[in-house]
Amino acid sequence: MRRRVSLALRSQSQNRRRHALLLSSIAFGISHFGQGITGVTENLIDGMILGALYLGSGRCLMNLILAHGVTDMVDFLLIFLHRYPGLHLE
């Protein structure tokens, strides 16, 4: 499956790229099931945004690295401030 998604993302067909982006984002979200519904939802949305950024930027990874760092920093701050949705620290 990973190979098919990778080939579809490199495809010239816009429709195939959209399907690959959706499929890989869903898989990415589900792979974070251990973080609860908040983790699944956040990572599904992050996958869509980062995937669209990747395709829209001419497949430039530096944009994704910076965006990923920003989202991780926001998550860290929310956890540190006890404001992360769905997280119950005792």
C-alpha atoms as a PDB file:
ATOM      1  CA  MET A   1       0.000   0.000   0.000  1.00  0.00           C
ATOM      2  CA  ARG A   2       2.821   2.386   0.879  1.00  0.00           C
ATOM      3  CA  ARG A   3       4.357   1.918  -2.573  1.00  0.00           C
ATOM      4  CA  ARG A   4       1.046   2.570  -4.325  1.00  0.00           C
ATOM      5  CA  VAL A   5       0.487   5.783  -2.368  1.00  0.00           C
ATOM      6  CA  SER A   6       4.044   6.894  -3.086  1.00  0.00           C
ATOM      7  CA  LEU A   7       3.628   6.259  -6.816  1.00  0.00           C
ATOM      8  CA  ALA A   8       0.255   8.010  -6.864  1.00  0.00           C
ATOM      9  CA  LEU A   9       1.712  11.092  -5.148  1.00  0.00           C
ATOM     10  CA  ARG A  10       4.287  11.311  -7.952  1.00  0.00           C
ATOM     11  CA  SER A  11       1.626  10.830 -10.604  1.00  0.00           C
ATOM     12  CA  GLN A  12       0.746  13.547 -13.085  1.00  0.00           C
ATOM     13  CA  SER A  13      -2.944  12.925 -12.427  1.00  0.00           C
ATOM     14  CA  GLN A  14      -4.376  15.471  -9.989  1.00  0.00           C
ATOM     15  CA  ASN A  15      -7.167  13.076  -9.055  1.00  0.00           C
ATOM     16  CA  ARG A  16      -4.740  10.265  -8.153  1.00  0.00           C
ATOM     17  CA  ARG A  17      -2.702  12.668  -6.011  1.00  0.00           C
ATOM     18  CA  ARG A  18      -5.815  13.774  -4.106  1.00  0.00           C
ATOM     19  CA  HIS A  19      -6.838  10.178  -3.433  1.00  0.00           C
ATOM     20  CA  ALA A  20      -3.309   9.291  -2.305  1.00  0.00           C
ATOM     21  CA  LEU A  21      -3.211  12.323  -0.020  1.00  0.00           C
ATOM     22  CA  LEU A  22      -6.568  11.415   1.540  1.00  0.00           C
ATOM     23  CA  LEU A  23      -5.639   7.749   1.968  1.00  0.00           C
ATOM     24  CA  SER A  24      -2.234   8.488   3.487  1.00  0.00           C
ATOM     25  CA  SER A  25      -3.713  11.120   5.839  1.00  0.00           C
ATOM     26  CA  ILE A  26      -6.351   8.691   7.081  1.00  0.00           C
ATOM     27  CA  ALA A  27      -3.680   6.027   7.655  1.00  0.00           C
ATOM     28  CA  PHE A  28      -1.476   8.596   9.427  1.00  0.00           C
ATOM     29  CA  GLY A  29      -4.354   9.620  11.695  1.00  0.00           C
ATOM     30  CA  ILE A  30      -5.308   6.038  12.531  1.00  0.00           C
ATOM     31  CA  SER A  31      -1.670   5.202  13.300  1.00  0.00           C
ATOM     32  CA  HIS A  32      -1.927   7.657  16.221  1.00  0.00           C
ATOM     33  CA  PHE A  33      -4.877   5.802  17.788  1.00  0.00           C
ATOM     34  CA  GLY A  34      -2.922   5.410  21.028  1.00  0.00           C
ATOM     35  CA  GLN A  35      -3.249   9.186  21.541  1.00  0.00           C
ATOM     36  CA  GLY A  36      -7.046   8.958  21.604  1.00  0.00           C
ATOM     37  CA  ILE A  37      -9.550  10.678  19.365  1.00  0.00           C
ATOM     38  CA  THR A  38      -7.730  14.005  19.740  1.00  0.00           C
ATOM     39  CA  GLY A  39      -4.489  12.503  18.442  1.00  0.00           C
ATOM     40  CA  VAL A  40      -6.233  10.748  15.550  1.00  0.00           C
ATOM     41  CA  THR A  41      -8.110  13.880  14.512  1.00  0.00           C
ATOM     42  CA  GLU A  42      -5.142  16.200  14.883  1.00  0.00           C
ATOM     43  CA  ASN A  43      -2.804  13.933  12.943  1.00  0.00           C
ATOM     44  CA  LEU A  44      -5.348  13.313  10.188  1.00  0.00           C
ATOM     45  CA  ILE A  45      -5.735  17.079   9.731  1.00  0.00           C
ATOM     46  CA  ASP A  46      -1.963  17.614  10.004  1.00  0.00           C
ATOM     47  CA  GLY A  47      -1.435  14.917   7.378  1.00  0.00           C
ATOM     48  CA  MET A  48      -3.827  16.654   4.995  1.00  0.00           C
ATOM     49  CA  ILE A  49      -2.249  20.075   5.553  1.00  0.00           C
ATOM     50  CA  LEU A  50       1.340  18.852   5.322  1.00  0.00           C
ATOM     51  CA  GLY A  51       0.538  16.693   2.296  1.00  0.00           C
ATOM     52  CA  ALA A  52      -1.125  19.606   0.516  1.00  0.00           C
ATOM     53  CA  LEU A  53       1.840  21.823   1.418  1.00  0.00           C
ATOM     54  CA  TYR A  54       4.212  19.182   0.028  1.00  0.00           C
ATOM     55  CA  LEU A  55       2.339  18.892  -3.250  1.00  0.00           C
ATOM     56  CA  GLY A  56       1.733  22.627  -3.535  1.00  0.00           C
ATOM     57  CA  SER A  57       5.358  23.584  -2.896  1.00  0.00           C
ATOM     58  CA  GLY A  58       6.795  21.478  -5.675  1.00  0.00           C
ATOM     59  CA  ARG A  59       7.680  18.681  -3.248  1.00  0.00           C
ATOM     60  CA  CYS A  60       9.970  20.807  -1.075  1.00  0.00           C
ATOM     61  CA  LEU A  61      10.659  19.010   2.217  1.00  0.00           C
ATOM     62  CA  MET A  62      12.049  22.071   4.038  1.00  0.00           C
ATOM     63  CA  ASN A  63       8.553  23.595   4.249  1.00  0.00           C
ATOM     64  CA  LEU A  64       7.271  20.386   5.841  1.00  0.00           C
ATOM     65  CA  ILE A  65      10.132  20.226   8.316  1.00  0.00           C
ATOM     66  CA  LEU A  66       9.434  23.796   9.468  1.00  0.00           C
ATOM     67  CA  ALA A  67       5.653  23.260   9.631  1.00  0.00           C
ATOM     68  CA  HIS A  68       6.100  20.025  11.580  1.00  0.00           C
ATOM     69  CA  GLY A  69       8.375  21.808  14.057  1.00  0.00           C
ATOM     70  CA  VAL A  70       5.774  24.533  14.573  1.00  0.00           C
ATOM     71  CA  THR A  71       2.953  22.032  15.195  1.00  0.00           C
ATOM     72  CA  ASP A  72       5.124  20.049  17.617  1.00  0.00           C
ATOM     73  CA  MET A  73       6.005  23.239  19.504  1.00  0.00           C
ATOM     74  CA  VAL A  74       2.325  24.231  19.761  1.00  0.00           C
ATOM     75  CA  ASP A  75       1.448  20.738  21.034  1.00  0.00           C
ATOM     76  CA  PHE A  76       4.273  20.877  23.579  1.00  0.00           C
ATOM     77  CA  LEU A  77       3.110  24.260  24.860  1.00  0.00           C
ATOM     78  CA  LEU A  78      -0.514  23.110  25.105  1.00  0.00           C
ATOM     79  CA  ILE A  79       0.530  20.010  27.065  1.00  0.00           C
ATOM     80  CA  PHE A  80       2.825  22.045  29.312  1.00  0.00           C
ATOM     81  CA  LEU A  81       0.020  24.534  30.025  1.00  0.00           C
ATOM     82  CA  HIS A  82      -2.514  21.703  30.590  1.00  0.00           C
ATOM     83  CA  ARG A  83      -4.642  22.972  27.676  1.00  0.00           C
ATOM     84  CA  TYR A  84      -4.246  20.074  25.239  1.00  0.00           C
ATOM     85  CA  PRO A  85      -7.762  18.837  24.316  1.00  0.00           C
ATOM     86  CA  GLY A  86      -8.525  15.361  25.581  1.00  0.00           C
ATOM     87  CA  LEU A  87      -5.422  15.119  27.771  1.00  0.00           C
ATOM     88  CA  HIS A  88      -6.117  14.543  31.447  1.00  0.00           C
ATOM     89  CA  LEU A  89      -3.013  14.771  33.596  1.00  0.00           C
ATOM     90  CA  GLU A  90      -3.365  13.789  37.193  1.00  0.00           C
END
